[in-house]
Each structure stands twice: as C-alpha cells, then as structure tokens.
Amino acid sequence: MAVFSWLVILSLLFLWFWKSRRPKGFPPGPWHLPLIGNLLQVRMGNPLKDLDQLARKYGSVFSLYVGSKPVVFTHGFPSAKEVLVIKGTEFAGRASFYIMDVISKKKGIFSLPYSEVWKEQRRFSVMLFRNFGVGKNVMEEKILEEATYLIEAFTEKTSLPFDPYEFIDGAVTNILSTILFGKRFEYDSSFLRTLLDLIHQNIKLPAGPWALLYNAVPLVRRLPLPHQKILTNASKIFALLEKELDEHKATLIPGEPRDFTDAYLEEIQKTERKGSSFEEEQLRVLLSDLFMAGTETTSGTLLWGFLYLMAFPEIQEKCQKEIDAVLGNNASLKYEDRVRLPYTNAVIHEIQRITSIVPLGVAHKSIKDVQLFGYQVPKNTMVFVNLHSAHRDKSQWKFPDEFTPSNFLNEKGEFVKPEAFLAFSAGPRVCLGENLARMQLFLFFTSILRNFQLLWPDKSQAPDFTPHFAITQSPSPFKVSLKCRQPSE
C-alpha cells in the first residue's frame, strides 16, 4: 500500500513537472508552484519593482505563470514597441480573464477579441465620438464650460484645505457624460457619486489577490470570497446605466440623435438582424467600458498633477508665468494654445510619464504563433506590456527617474514628444479616447493653474508619491490649499 501511495505521488509530481515546463523556445522566467504559479513571488500590492528585478535577470522579454498559464512580460521601450507597433496585429488579441468575461459576457469593446466585431464596434464608437464633438471646437467649449463649474466649486473651498478628488472626478466624468448621455451632473449628484464609487472599486479590485486567485483557480469561483464584490458592483453599474437607456428609448426621436446613446440605439434599430453585433446588451457593456476607461485615467492624472506641482512649486510657478505671458488677463483659452505653451504642455506630459497611470496597460494576446526578440510565443499567449518600464527606459529619456519637463523639451525650449511616450498605448489597440483625454488634460490643467496657486497644506510632512497599484496607479488621498490668483502674481 505504501509503495502504491509513493507511486501515485511520484506520478503526480512527474505529471505536474511535465505539464509545467515552459514551451520550447518560450521566454525564460523563474521556477513556479502548482496551481498558483508565481503569484507568491511577485508582490501584488505593487509588482513593478519585482518585474524590474526579473527583467535584470532574464532580459527585456520574460515569463511568469499566473496559475497554470504562462504569461509574457515586456520590459523597456524596444520590446514594448515590438508588441504594440511592429507586430501590433499579431499581438492585438485581448487576453481572457475569467472574472472580466463573466462581467462583460465578452461584449463591450475592451474585452472583445481582435475580430470583425471588435473592428466594427471600435470604428462605430470612434465615429460617434467624432460626431459628438471630440477633436472639434464644440468639445473644447464643453470642456471649458465644465472648467468654469470646477473653478467655481474650487473658489468656494479656498478658505480651508480640502480633498479635490470628487470635484476633479466629477468634472472629467461630466465631459464623458455629455457625449454618452447628452447631459452633465452636479458634483454631489447621487447618480454620479454612486456610479463613480462602483467604477473605482471595480478598477481596484481585479488587481487584488482574491481576483487573481479567482482567475487562476477555478475551484474558488463559487466560494463567498471578496472577489464576489466585483460581480455585485458590476450588476449595480449595469442597473444604473439601464435607467439611462430606458430614458433614452422613451424620448428618442428617429433621425435626431442627441448623443452617443441615441445614435447607438438608432443603429440597433437599423441592424435588427440575426448575427448583428449591435444590440442593447452590447451597448450596456460598451457604456460601462467607456466610463471605466475614461474617468479614472484622466482624473487620476490631474490628481497626480496637483501632488507634483505642490511638491515642485518652482515648476508650478514657471507654468503660471508662461500662461500669464501668453494669455494675459482676458484672452480665452483654446486647445491650440498648447503650441504656444510648450513648457506647460511638457509638464502635463511629464506627469503622465512619471506616473504611468496604467502601468501594465491592458493584457494583450497573440492571435497566432509569433517570434518576439528571438523567443517563440505560441498562439493565445497572454502578454503584458510594461508601459511603466518604457517610461523609465534609460536609453530613451534624458532624466528617466526624475520629474522634470526637460524630458519633453529640446535645447530651444520647444515641445518634443519622444517615441517612448506610451501613456495611451500604441498600435491597433491604442486608447480610442486619446484625443478627448489630451484635450481635457490641457484645458483643465491650464484653467486651474491660471486661476489658483496650489499649496501643500501640511508643512510637517512631504507629499506621498507612493502609488496605490491596481489596473491604474492612483495617489493616496490628500488635501490641497488653493489661493486665488491673478495673472503675473
């Protein structure tokens, strides 16, 4: 009996060892454990330092196991460019995470595989964004109008230090809401606050250990563990969006779309046929995707901007002097002014670079067998592009580990954007809201600096730049003191 037991154990060990071997020619990586892979070897709280160490040992392309699945990681700019641009189509697939597939039912746009359906949905979404103002003067006017509301709200807070999070978050979301729903919300709106709280929780939770365990180990999926909150939150988000959809369907006037949702509902009516990718469930998930992607990233960048400019008052002052010199007292701000404000534009980009708001991007997948820097990557392999490492690549940046606008300025003080700047990713899966985000960042940022001096209120300690790592990197909650200013102050 004892001999038989040992034979069973040895057979299982041999089977595990045989199944756990990396495929031939696969990128190298550390030894891993059964079931959980390398999850214990990488700190989930913030894996970026661990990934840096692994890259030093294994090179710019290496692999880890997430559960029983081998996953490829890039490090630095050249390997990122290879995946995103040079072989962008080969790596344009979207990696499957079980918990996200349950939520999205493989609809929307971010979880969709690289396919004709994805191309159709992306093409239509980009067209509607353009139709409803993105990249045009009308969107510039909407952002500047929202900036006025934001400045009014900030002015009421100048007497005491306060947390700017809800105001920034609300302003950014309102721009997206005007496109998707044709309306803005007050910053204390219960709909807005509930929606954003649920979205922010669901951006943070999927990067936590329970969600990773849920994806990696099927046995835990039915257990009442913390990952279930992600599913509950998603249901609440869809319920909120359903109310807006019902309101739009009840008031829709054919041929007169007021916003993205109206136009999409009309397209559903036009294409009501078996096999069409245009349907209400697809629209629900698409709206959720757009809010998820379009709020936390832009508002998070603005919040990081507050923190860095309070910590570097000399950079803040130089921005304000440039803004005052170019715009003066009365000139209205325009998006095209970024050309005349190279230093301010460089500061905005430097905030994006140094913080890398989406440090590992969204996981890609190889759609066929492909070679990557001499390694063989089989079809359907998950690939993470480490955008954070590309933004700190010593071969690409003058001052990779410092916060300095010089990274985006040439010897003449002119704005120059290096190829290694990947805040919006690149290639076929580049962020579809890039143009909207760029416009918001410049107009909100410049409007705020034109009207206020940002001051760090707690003289007893310096600002904390330790990020909260999730799908996005966000700063710890903080307070700001605002001092109203006039040009040349």
Protein backbone atom coordinates (compact mmCIF):
# COMPACT_ATOMS: atom_id res chain seq x y z
CA MET A 1 0.00 0.00 0.00
CA ALA A 2 2.83 2.36 0.93
CA VAL A 3 4.63 1.59 -2.33
CA PHE A 4 1.44 2.27 -4.29
CA SER A 5 0.96 5.61 -2.50
CA TRP A 6 4.50 6.65 -3.31
CA LEU A 7 3.99 5.67 -6.94
CA VAL A 8 0.86 7.82 -7.10
CA ILE A 9 2.69 10.78 -5.51
CA LEU A 10 5.67 10.41 -7.83
CA SER A 11 3.37 10.08 -10.84
CA LEU A 12 1.52 13.27 -9.87
CA LEU A 13 4.80 15.12 -9.33
CA PHE A 14 6.09 13.94 -12.70
CA LEU A 15 2.81 14.94 -14.37
CA TRP A 16 2.96 18.40 -12.77
CA PHE A 17 6.63 18.84 -13.72
CA TRP A 18 5.95 17.74 -17.29
CA LYS A 19 2.88 19.98 -17.71
CA SER A 20 4.54 22.96 -16.03
CA ARG A 21 7.52 23.10 -18.36
CA ARG A 22 7.71 26.22 -20.45
CA PRO A 23 7.02 25.62 -24.14
CA LYS A 24 10.10 25.15 -26.31
CA GLY A 25 11.73 28.48 -27.15
CA PHE A 26 9.42 30.33 -24.72
CA PRO A 27 10.73 33.42 -22.87
CA PRO A 28 12.60 32.44 -19.68
CA GLY A 29 11.44 33.02 -16.13
CA PRO A 30 11.61 31.75 -12.55
CA TRP A 31 10.51 28.37 -11.23
CA HIS A 32 6.83 28.27 -10.26
CA LEU A 33 4.44 26.40 -7.96
CA PRO A 34 1.48 24.18 -8.91
CA LEU A 35 -1.92 25.90 -9.19
CA ILE A 36 -0.76 29.38 -8.14
CA GLY A 37 2.26 29.73 -10.43
CA ASN A 38 4.44 32.73 -9.49
CA LEU A 39 1.76 34.64 -7.57
CA LEU A 40 3.74 34.37 -4.30
CA GLN A 41 6.95 35.61 -5.94
CA VAL A 42 5.50 38.90 -7.15
CA ARG A 43 4.07 41.39 -4.67
CA MET A 44 0.50 42.11 -5.71
CA GLY A 45 0.50 45.40 -3.77
CA ASN A 46 2.86 46.78 -6.40
CA PRO A 47 4.67 44.29 -8.64
CA LEU A 48 6.62 46.88 -10.66
CA LYS A 49 9.84 46.62 -8.62
CA ASP A 50 9.69 42.82 -8.77
CA LEU A 51 9.20 43.00 -12.55
CA ASP A 52 12.23 45.31 -12.79
CA GLN A 53 14.34 42.74 -10.92
CA LEU A 54 13.11 39.89 -13.11
CA ALA A 55 14.00 41.90 -16.23
CA ARG A 56 17.53 42.44 -14.92
CA LYS A 57 17.87 38.68 -14.50
CA TYR A 58 16.03 37.36 -17.58
CA GLY A 59 16.09 40.24 -20.07
CA SER A 60 13.57 42.52 -21.76
CA VAL A 61 11.19 39.64 -22.55
CA PHE A 62 10.48 37.10 -19.81
CA SER A 63 7.62 34.98 -18.49
CA LEU A 64 5.74 34.22 -15.28
CA TYR A 65 2.99 31.77 -14.50
CA VAL A 66 -0.41 33.10 -13.39
CA GLY A 67 -1.94 29.94 -12.03
CA SER A 68 -1.16 27.29 -14.61
CA LYS A 69 -0.92 29.75 -17.52
CA PRO A 70 2.40 31.12 -18.80
CA VAL A 71 2.30 34.89 -19.30
CA VAL A 72 4.85 37.00 -21.20
CA PHE A 73 6.05 40.40 -19.92
CA THR A 74 7.97 43.05 -21.83
CA HIS A 75 10.39 45.47 -20.19
CA GLY A 76 11.69 48.72 -21.63
CA PHE A 77 10.69 50.53 -24.81
CA PRO A 78 12.09 48.36 -27.66
CA SER A 79 10.15 45.24 -26.63
CA ALA A 80 7.02 47.34 -25.98
CA LYS A 81 7.28 48.81 -29.47
CA GLU A 82 7.75 45.33 -30.93
CA VAL A 83 4.50 44.09 -29.35
CA LEU A 84 2.37 47.21 -29.79
CA VAL A 85 3.51 48.56 -33.15
CA ILE A 86 5.90 46.44 -35.20
CA LYS A 87 3.93 43.25 -34.54
CA GLY A 88 0.82 45.06 -33.35
CA THR A 89 -1.62 42.94 -35.33
CA GLU A 90 -0.07 39.64 -34.18
CA PHE A 91 -0.47 40.79 -30.56
CA ALA A 92 -3.80 42.62 -30.99
CA GLY A 93 -5.80 39.89 -29.26
CA ARG A 94 -7.31 40.58 -25.86
CA ALA A 95 -6.30 38.23 -23.05
CA SER A 96 -9.15 36.48 -21.28
CA PHE A 97 -9.66 36.98 -17.53
CA TYR A 98 -12.44 34.78 -16.27
CA ILE A 99 -13.87 37.35 -13.87
CA MET A 100 -13.96 40.04 -16.59
CA ASP A 101 -15.52 37.60 -19.05
CA VAL A 102 -18.29 36.85 -16.53
CA ILE A 103 -18.97 40.58 -16.15
CA SER A 104 -18.76 41.57 -19.82
CA LYS A 105 -20.06 38.35 -21.39
CA LYS A 106 -17.32 39.11 -23.94
CA LYS A 107 -19.15 42.20 -25.15
CA GLY A 108 -18.35 45.91 -24.98
CA ILE A 109 -15.04 46.82 -26.54
CA PHE A 110 -12.13 46.25 -24.15
CA SER A 111 -12.71 42.53 -23.58
CA LEU A 112 -13.58 41.77 -27.19
CA PRO A 113 -11.13 39.59 -29.11
CA TYR A 114 -9.45 41.02 -32.19
CA SER A 115 -12.16 40.29 -34.74
CA GLU A 116 -14.51 41.86 -37.26
CA VAL A 117 -16.97 42.54 -34.41
CA TRP A 118 -14.28 44.43 -32.47
CA LYS A 119 -13.29 46.41 -35.56
CA GLU A 120 -16.95 47.27 -36.25
CA GLN A 121 -17.62 48.36 -32.67
CA ARG A 122 -14.42 50.39 -32.39
CA ARG A 123 -14.94 52.05 -35.78
CA PHE A 124 -18.53 52.99 -34.89
CA SER A 125 -17.54 54.28 -31.42
CA VAL A 126 -14.74 56.44 -32.85
CA MET A 127 -17.17 57.82 -35.45
CA LEU A 128 -19.74 58.70 -32.77
CA PHE A 129 -17.10 60.36 -30.59
CA ARG A 130 -16.15 62.49 -33.58
CA ASN A 131 -19.79 63.20 -34.48
CA PHE A 132 -20.50 64.42 -30.97
CA GLY A 133 -17.57 66.80 -30.81
CA VAL A 134 -14.32 65.03 -29.95
CA GLY A 135 -11.48 66.87 -31.67
CA LYS A 136 -13.72 69.80 -32.60
CA ASN A 137 -14.36 73.29 -31.24
CA VAL A 138 -17.69 72.20 -29.75
CA MET A 139 -15.90 69.78 -27.40
CA GLU A 140 -13.38 72.46 -26.48
CA GLU A 141 -16.31 74.69 -25.49
CA LYS A 142 -17.88 71.94 -23.37
CA ILE A 143 -14.63 71.28 -21.51
CA LEU A 144 -14.08 75.00 -20.87
CA GLU A 145 -17.67 75.31 -19.64
CA GLU A 146 -17.08 72.40 -17.24
CA ALA A 147 -13.81 74.03 -16.19
CA THR A 148 -15.85 77.09 -15.19
CA TYR A 149 -18.04 74.94 -12.93
CA LEU A 150 -14.92 73.35 -11.47
CA ILE A 151 -13.26 76.70 -10.77
CA GLU A 152 -16.46 77.97 -9.11
CA ALA A 153 -16.51 74.89 -6.86
CA PHE A 154 -12.82 75.33 -6.05
CA THR A 155 -13.27 79.03 -5.26
CA GLU A 156 -15.77 78.11 -2.55
CA LYS A 157 -13.09 75.89 -0.98
CA THR A 158 -10.24 78.41 -0.77
CA SER A 159 -10.70 79.09 2.95
CA LEU A 160 -9.55 75.64 4.12
CA PRO A 161 -7.53 72.68 2.80
CA PHE A 162 -9.73 70.10 1.05
CA ASP A 163 -9.58 66.88 -0.95
CA PRO A 164 -10.02 67.77 -4.67
CA TYR A 165 -10.79 64.16 -5.68
CA GLU A 166 -14.60 64.32 -6.01
CA PHE A 167 -14.54 67.63 -7.90
CA ILE A 168 -11.89 66.51 -10.41
CA ASP A 169 -13.57 63.14 -10.79
CA GLY A 170 -16.96 64.74 -11.38
CA ALA A 171 -15.66 67.25 -13.92
CA VAL A 172 -13.90 64.59 -16.01
CA THR A 173 -16.91 62.27 -15.89
CA ASN A 174 -19.24 65.07 -16.92
CA ILE A 175 -17.36 65.50 -20.19
CA LEU A 176 -17.85 61.84 -20.98
CA SER A 177 -21.47 62.05 -19.84
CA THR A 178 -22.21 64.91 -22.26
CA ILE A 179 -21.02 62.68 -25.11
CA LEU A 180 -22.71 59.47 -23.96
CA PHE A 181 -25.89 60.85 -22.35
CA GLY A 182 -26.09 64.45 -23.56
CA LYS A 183 -26.03 65.92 -20.05
CA ARG A 184 -23.83 66.78 -17.07
CA PHE A 185 -24.42 66.11 -13.38
CA GLU A 186 -23.88 68.21 -10.28
CA TYR A 187 -20.75 67.11 -8.44
CA ASP A 188 -22.84 65.90 -5.48
CA SER A 189 -25.38 64.06 -7.67
CA SER A 190 -26.28 60.69 -6.12
CA PHE A 191 -26.23 59.06 -9.58
CA LEU A 192 -22.76 60.40 -10.33
CA ARG A 193 -21.28 59.57 -6.93
CA THR A 194 -22.76 56.05 -6.86
CA LEU A 195 -21.61 55.29 -10.41
CA LEU A 196 -18.08 56.57 -9.78
CA ASP A 197 -17.71 54.79 -6.43
CA LEU A 198 -18.68 51.48 -8.06
CA ILE A 199 -16.38 52.08 -11.04
CA HIS A 200 -13.38 52.97 -8.87
CA GLN A 201 -13.91 49.91 -6.67
CA ASN A 202 -14.05 47.69 -9.75
CA ILE A 203 -10.87 49.20 -11.15
CA LYS A 204 -9.01 48.43 -7.91
CA LEU A 205 -10.45 45.01 -7.02
CA PRO A 206 -9.45 42.99 -10.15
CA ALA A 207 -5.76 43.54 -9.36
CA GLY A 208 -6.17 42.23 -5.82
CA PRO A 209 -5.11 38.74 -4.69
CA TRP A 210 -8.64 37.33 -4.47
CA ALA A 211 -9.49 38.33 -8.02
CA LEU A 212 -6.21 36.87 -9.28
CA LEU A 213 -6.99 33.65 -7.41
CA TYR A 214 -10.47 33.66 -8.93
CA ASN A 215 -8.97 33.88 -12.42
CA ALA A 216 -6.26 31.30 -11.78
CA VAL A 217 -8.00 28.63 -9.68
CA PRO A 218 -11.48 27.50 -10.85
CA LEU A 219 -12.17 25.75 -7.52
CA VAL A 220 -12.59 29.07 -5.65
CA ARG A 221 -15.06 30.68 -8.05
CA ARG A 222 -18.20 29.64 -6.18
CA LEU A 223 -16.86 30.41 -2.72
CA PRO A 224 -18.18 33.53 -0.89
CA LEU A 225 -14.84 35.33 -1.03
CA PRO A 226 -14.11 39.08 -1.52
CA HIS A 227 -13.92 38.74 -5.32
CA GLN A 228 -17.72 38.39 -5.37
CA LYS A 229 -17.94 42.14 -4.69
CA ILE A 230 -16.65 42.79 -8.21
CA LEU A 231 -19.60 40.89 -9.66
CA THR A 232 -22.08 42.64 -7.35
CA ASN A 233 -20.68 46.06 -8.26
CA ALA A 234 -20.87 45.27 -11.98
CA SER A 235 -24.56 44.38 -11.63
CA LYS A 236 -25.20 47.71 -9.89
CA ILE A 237 -23.33 49.62 -12.62
CA PHE A 238 -25.41 47.94 -15.33
CA ALA A 239 -28.61 48.76 -13.39
CA LEU A 240 -27.67 52.46 -13.27
CA LEU A 241 -26.87 52.50 -16.98
CA GLU A 242 -30.13 50.67 -17.71
CA LYS A 243 -32.08 53.59 -16.23
CA GLU A 244 -30.37 55.97 -18.65
CA LEU A 245 -31.04 53.60 -21.55
CA ASP A 246 -34.74 53.38 -20.65
CA GLU A 247 -34.96 57.18 -20.52
CA HIS A 248 -33.27 57.48 -23.92
CA LYS A 249 -35.52 54.85 -25.51
CA ALA A 250 -38.62 56.62 -24.18
CA THR A 251 -37.58 60.03 -25.58
CA LEU A 252 -35.72 59.01 -28.74
CA ILE A 253 -36.72 60.94 -31.86
CA PRO A 254 -35.74 58.98 -35.01
CA GLY A 255 -33.23 60.87 -37.15
CA GLU A 256 -32.39 63.35 -34.38
CA PRO A 257 -29.81 61.68 -32.13
CA ARG A 258 -28.89 63.85 -29.16
CA ASP A 259 -25.85 61.86 -28.06
CA PHE A 260 -23.83 58.65 -28.37
CA THR A 261 -26.57 56.52 -26.76
CA ASP A 262 -29.30 57.81 -29.10
CA ALA A 263 -27.12 57.19 -32.16
CA TYR A 264 -26.28 53.67 -31.00
CA LEU A 265 -29.94 52.85 -30.30
CA GLU A 266 -30.78 54.02 -33.82
CA GLU A 267 -28.07 51.74 -35.21
CA ILE A 268 -29.60 48.83 -33.30
CA GLN A 269 -32.94 49.54 -34.96
CA LYS A 270 -31.30 49.73 -38.40
CA THR A 271 -29.42 46.46 -37.98
CA GLU A 272 -32.00 44.31 -36.20
CA ARG A 273 -31.00 41.08 -37.79
CA LYS A 274 -29.60 37.79 -36.64
CA GLY A 275 -25.85 37.98 -36.15
CA SER A 276 -25.59 41.79 -35.84
CA SER A 277 -23.15 42.97 -33.16
CA PHE A 278 -25.39 45.98 -32.42
CA GLU A 279 -27.70 45.10 -29.53
CA GLU A 280 -28.73 46.59 -26.19
CA GLU A 281 -26.58 44.30 -24.06
CA GLN A 282 -23.57 45.24 -26.17
CA LEU A 283 -24.42 48.92 -25.65
CA ARG A 284 -24.72 48.45 -21.87
CA VAL A 285 -21.29 46.86 -21.61
CA LEU A 286 -19.81 49.40 -24.04
CA LEU A 287 -21.07 52.31 -21.91
CA SER A 288 -19.61 50.66 -18.81
CA ASP A 289 -16.27 50.16 -20.61
CA LEU A 290 -16.14 53.79 -21.70
CA PHE A 291 -16.87 55.10 -18.20
CA MET A 292 -14.35 52.68 -16.68
CA ALA A 293 -11.60 53.70 -19.10
CA GLY A 294 -12.41 57.37 -19.44
CA THR A 295 -12.78 58.53 -15.84
CA GLU A 296 -10.08 57.09 -13.57
CA THR A 297 -7.25 57.62 -16.05
CA THR A 298 -7.84 61.32 -16.76
CA SER A 299 -8.94 62.32 -13.26
CA GLY A 300 -6.07 60.30 -11.78
CA THR A 301 -3.56 62.14 -13.97
CA LEU A 302 -4.96 65.51 -12.86
CA LEU A 303 -4.75 64.45 -9.20
CA TRP A 304 -1.14 63.34 -9.64
CA GLY A 305 -0.56 66.73 -11.26
CA PHE A 306 -1.81 68.51 -8.12
CA LEU A 307 0.54 66.45 -5.98
CA TYR A 308 3.63 67.01 -8.13
CA LEU A 309 3.06 70.74 -8.58
CA MET A 310 2.61 71.22 -4.83
CA ALA A 311 5.87 69.34 -4.29
CA PHE A 312 7.67 71.29 -7.04
CA PRO A 313 6.42 74.89 -6.64
CA GLU A 314 9.17 76.23 -8.93
CA ILE A 315 7.74 74.17 -11.82
CA GLN A 316 4.22 75.35 -10.98
CA GLU A 317 5.39 78.97 -10.94
CA LYS A 318 7.14 78.60 -14.30
CA CYS A 319 3.94 77.20 -15.84
CA GLN A 320 1.92 80.12 -14.49
CA LYS A 321 4.39 82.69 -15.77
CA GLU A 322 4.22 81.14 -19.23
CA ILE A 323 0.40 81.03 -19.14
CA ASP A 324 0.23 84.67 -17.99
CA ALA A 325 2.68 85.83 -20.65
CA VAL A 326 0.81 84.11 -23.47
CA LEU A 327 -2.82 84.53 -22.37
CA GLY A 328 -2.72 87.63 -20.17
CA ASN A 329 -5.84 88.81 -18.35
CA ASN A 330 -8.53 88.50 -20.96
CA ALA A 331 -7.60 86.02 -23.69
CA SER A 332 -9.83 82.95 -23.74
CA LEU A 333 -8.02 79.64 -23.51
CA LYS A 334 -8.04 77.35 -26.55
CA TYR A 335 -6.73 73.85 -27.11
CA GLU A 336 -4.47 75.17 -29.89
CA ASP A 337 -2.69 77.30 -27.25
CA ARG A 338 -0.71 74.21 -26.24
CA VAL A 339 1.62 75.07 -29.14
CA ARG A 340 2.27 78.48 -27.57
CA LEU A 341 2.65 76.95 -24.10
CA PRO A 342 5.44 74.40 -24.64
CA TYR A 343 6.58 74.32 -21.01
CA THR A 344 3.06 73.79 -19.66
CA ASN A 345 2.43 71.12 -22.30
CA ALA A 346 5.71 69.43 -21.32
CA VAL A 347 4.71 69.42 -17.65
CA ILE A 348 1.40 67.69 -18.45
CA HIS A 349 3.19 65.01 -20.46
CA GLU A 350 5.84 64.61 -17.77
CA ILE A 351 3.12 63.97 -15.18
CA GLN A 352 1.75 61.27 -17.47
CA ARG A 353 5.20 59.75 -17.95
CA ILE A 354 6.40 59.74 -14.36
CA THR A 355 3.12 58.32 -13.00
CA SER A 356 2.30 55.82 -15.80
CA ILE A 357 -1.36 55.81 -14.81
CA VAL A 358 -1.98 52.39 -16.44
CA PRO A 359 1.42 50.82 -15.71
CA LEU A 360 0.90 47.44 -17.39
CA GLY A 361 -1.68 48.54 -19.93
CA VAL A 362 -4.45 46.05 -20.69
CA ALA A 363 -3.32 42.48 -21.31
CA HIS A 364 -2.76 41.56 -24.96
CA LYS A 365 -2.88 38.11 -26.55
CA SER A 366 -1.04 36.63 -29.52
CA ILE A 367 -3.51 35.74 -32.27
CA LYS A 368 -1.04 33.33 -33.90
CA ASP A 369 2.38 31.79 -33.27
CA VAL A 370 4.86 34.68 -33.35
CA GLN A 371 8.53 35.33 -32.65
CA LEU A 372 9.39 38.01 -30.10
CA PHE A 373 13.03 39.05 -29.67
CA GLY A 374 14.22 35.57 -30.57
CA TYR A 375 11.68 33.71 -28.43
CA GLN A 376 8.72 31.66 -29.62
CA VAL A 377 5.34 32.89 -28.37
CA PRO A 378 2.54 30.42 -29.16
CA LYS A 379 -0.93 31.49 -30.29
CA ASN A 380 -3.28 32.61 -27.47
CA THR A 381 -0.47 33.57 -25.06
CA MET A 382 -1.23 36.43 -22.66
CA VAL A 383 1.22 39.34 -22.98
CA PHE A 384 1.63 42.32 -20.63
CA VAL A 385 3.41 45.39 -21.99
CA ASN A 386 5.13 47.16 -19.11
CA LEU A 387 4.44 50.79 -20.04
CA HIS A 388 5.93 51.96 -16.74
CA SER A 389 9.30 50.47 -17.70
CA ALA A 390 9.13 52.07 -21.16
CA HIS A 391 8.60 55.43 -19.43
CA ARG A 392 11.70 54.84 -17.27
CA ASP A 393 13.92 53.40 -20.02
CA LYS A 394 17.38 54.95 -19.60
CA SER A 395 18.08 54.59 -23.32
CA GLN A 396 15.05 56.73 -24.20
CA TRP A 397 14.80 59.53 -21.63
CA LYS A 398 17.19 62.27 -20.58
CA PHE A 399 16.11 62.05 -16.93
CA PRO A 400 14.19 58.75 -16.62
CA ASP A 401 13.84 58.72 -12.81
CA GLU A 402 13.32 62.44 -12.21
CA PHE A 403 10.26 64.64 -12.51
CA THR A 404 11.43 67.26 -15.00
CA PRO A 405 9.69 68.80 -18.03
CA SER A 406 13.07 68.71 -19.79
CA ASN A 407 12.18 65.19 -20.89
CA PHE A 408 9.77 66.80 -23.38
CA LEU A 409 11.74 69.93 -24.34
CA ASN A 410 14.59 70.36 -26.80
CA GLU A 411 17.53 72.76 -26.49
CA LYS A 412 15.38 75.61 -27.85
CA GLY A 413 12.64 75.03 -25.26
CA GLU A 414 10.29 73.60 -27.88
CA PHE A 415 7.93 70.75 -27.02
CA VAL A 416 9.07 67.37 -28.36
CA LYS A 417 7.30 64.08 -27.66
CA PRO A 418 9.71 61.11 -27.62
CA GLU A 419 8.63 57.90 -29.31
CA ALA A 420 8.81 56.09 -25.96
CA PHE A 421 5.85 58.08 -24.58
CA LEU A 422 3.10 55.44 -24.37
CA ALA A 423 0.55 56.91 -21.96
CA PHE A 424 -2.24 55.91 -24.35
CA SER A 425 -0.52 52.73 -25.54
CA ALA A 426 0.03 52.41 -29.32
CA GLY A 427 -0.84 50.31 -32.34
CA PRO A 428 -4.19 48.67 -33.16
CA ARG A 429 -5.35 48.73 -29.52
CA VAL A 430 -4.40 52.36 -28.85
CA CYS A 431 -6.84 54.12 -26.48
CA LEU A 432 -9.86 55.27 -28.51
CA GLY A 433 -10.37 58.21 -26.14
CA GLU A 434 -6.84 59.57 -26.57
CA ASN A 435 -7.86 62.80 -28.32
CA LEU A 436 -10.55 63.53 -25.73
CA ALA A 437 -8.18 62.85 -22.83
CA ARG A 438 -5.45 65.07 -24.30
CA MET A 439 -7.89 67.95 -24.71
CA GLN A 440 -9.26 67.55 -21.18
CA LEU A 441 -5.84 67.36 -19.56
CA PHE A 442 -4.59 70.52 -21.26
CA LEU A 443 -7.73 72.64 -20.81
CA PHE A 444 -8.49 71.60 -17.21
CA PHE A 445 -4.86 71.77 -16.12
CA THR A 446 -4.22 75.18 -17.68
CA SER A 447 -7.53 76.63 -16.43
CA ILE A 448 -6.75 75.56 -12.86
CA LEU A 449 -3.20 76.96 -12.91
CA ARG A 450 -4.45 80.19 -14.44
CA ASN A 451 -6.85 80.71 -11.53
CA PHE A 452 -5.17 79.15 -8.50
CA GLN A 453 -1.88 78.64 -6.77
CA LEU A 454 -1.69 75.05 -5.47
CA LEU A 455 -0.16 74.85 -1.98
CA TRP A 456 0.76 71.84 0.16
CA PRO A 457 -1.05 72.46 3.47
CA ASP A 458 0.82 70.05 5.77
CA LYS A 459 4.24 71.53 6.47
CA SER A 460 5.06 68.69 8.89
CA GLN A 461 5.42 66.10 6.11
CA ALA A 462 6.17 65.97 2.40
CA PRO A 463 3.66 64.76 -0.22
CA ASP A 464 3.42 60.97 -0.50
CA PHE A 465 4.14 59.71 -4.02
CA THR A 466 3.62 56.03 -3.18
CA PRO A 467 1.02 54.81 -5.70
CA HIS A 468 -1.95 52.58 -5.00
CA PHE A 469 -1.42 49.87 -7.58
CA ALA A 470 -4.38 48.38 -9.46
CA ILE A 471 -5.33 48.48 -13.12
CA THR A 472 -4.47 52.15 -12.65
CA GLN A 473 -1.99 53.80 -10.27
CA SER A 474 -3.67 56.39 -8.07
CA PRO A 475 -2.23 58.64 -5.36
CA SER A 476 -3.16 58.33 -1.69
CA PRO A 477 -5.91 60.76 -0.63
CA PHE A 478 -4.50 64.23 0.04
CA LYS A 479 -5.61 67.78 0.67
CA VAL A 480 -4.71 70.94 -1.20
CA SER A 481 -4.83 74.61 -0.23
CA LEU A 482 -5.88 76.90 -3.06
CA LYS A 483 -5.02 80.56 -3.31
CA CYS A 484 -6.89 82.60 -5.91
CA ARG A 485 -4.52 84.38 -8.22
CA GLN A 486 -4.44 86.98 -10.95
CA PRO A 487 -2.06 86.86 -13.92
CA SER A 488 1.54 87.80 -13.04
CA GLU A 489 1.04 87.09 -9.33
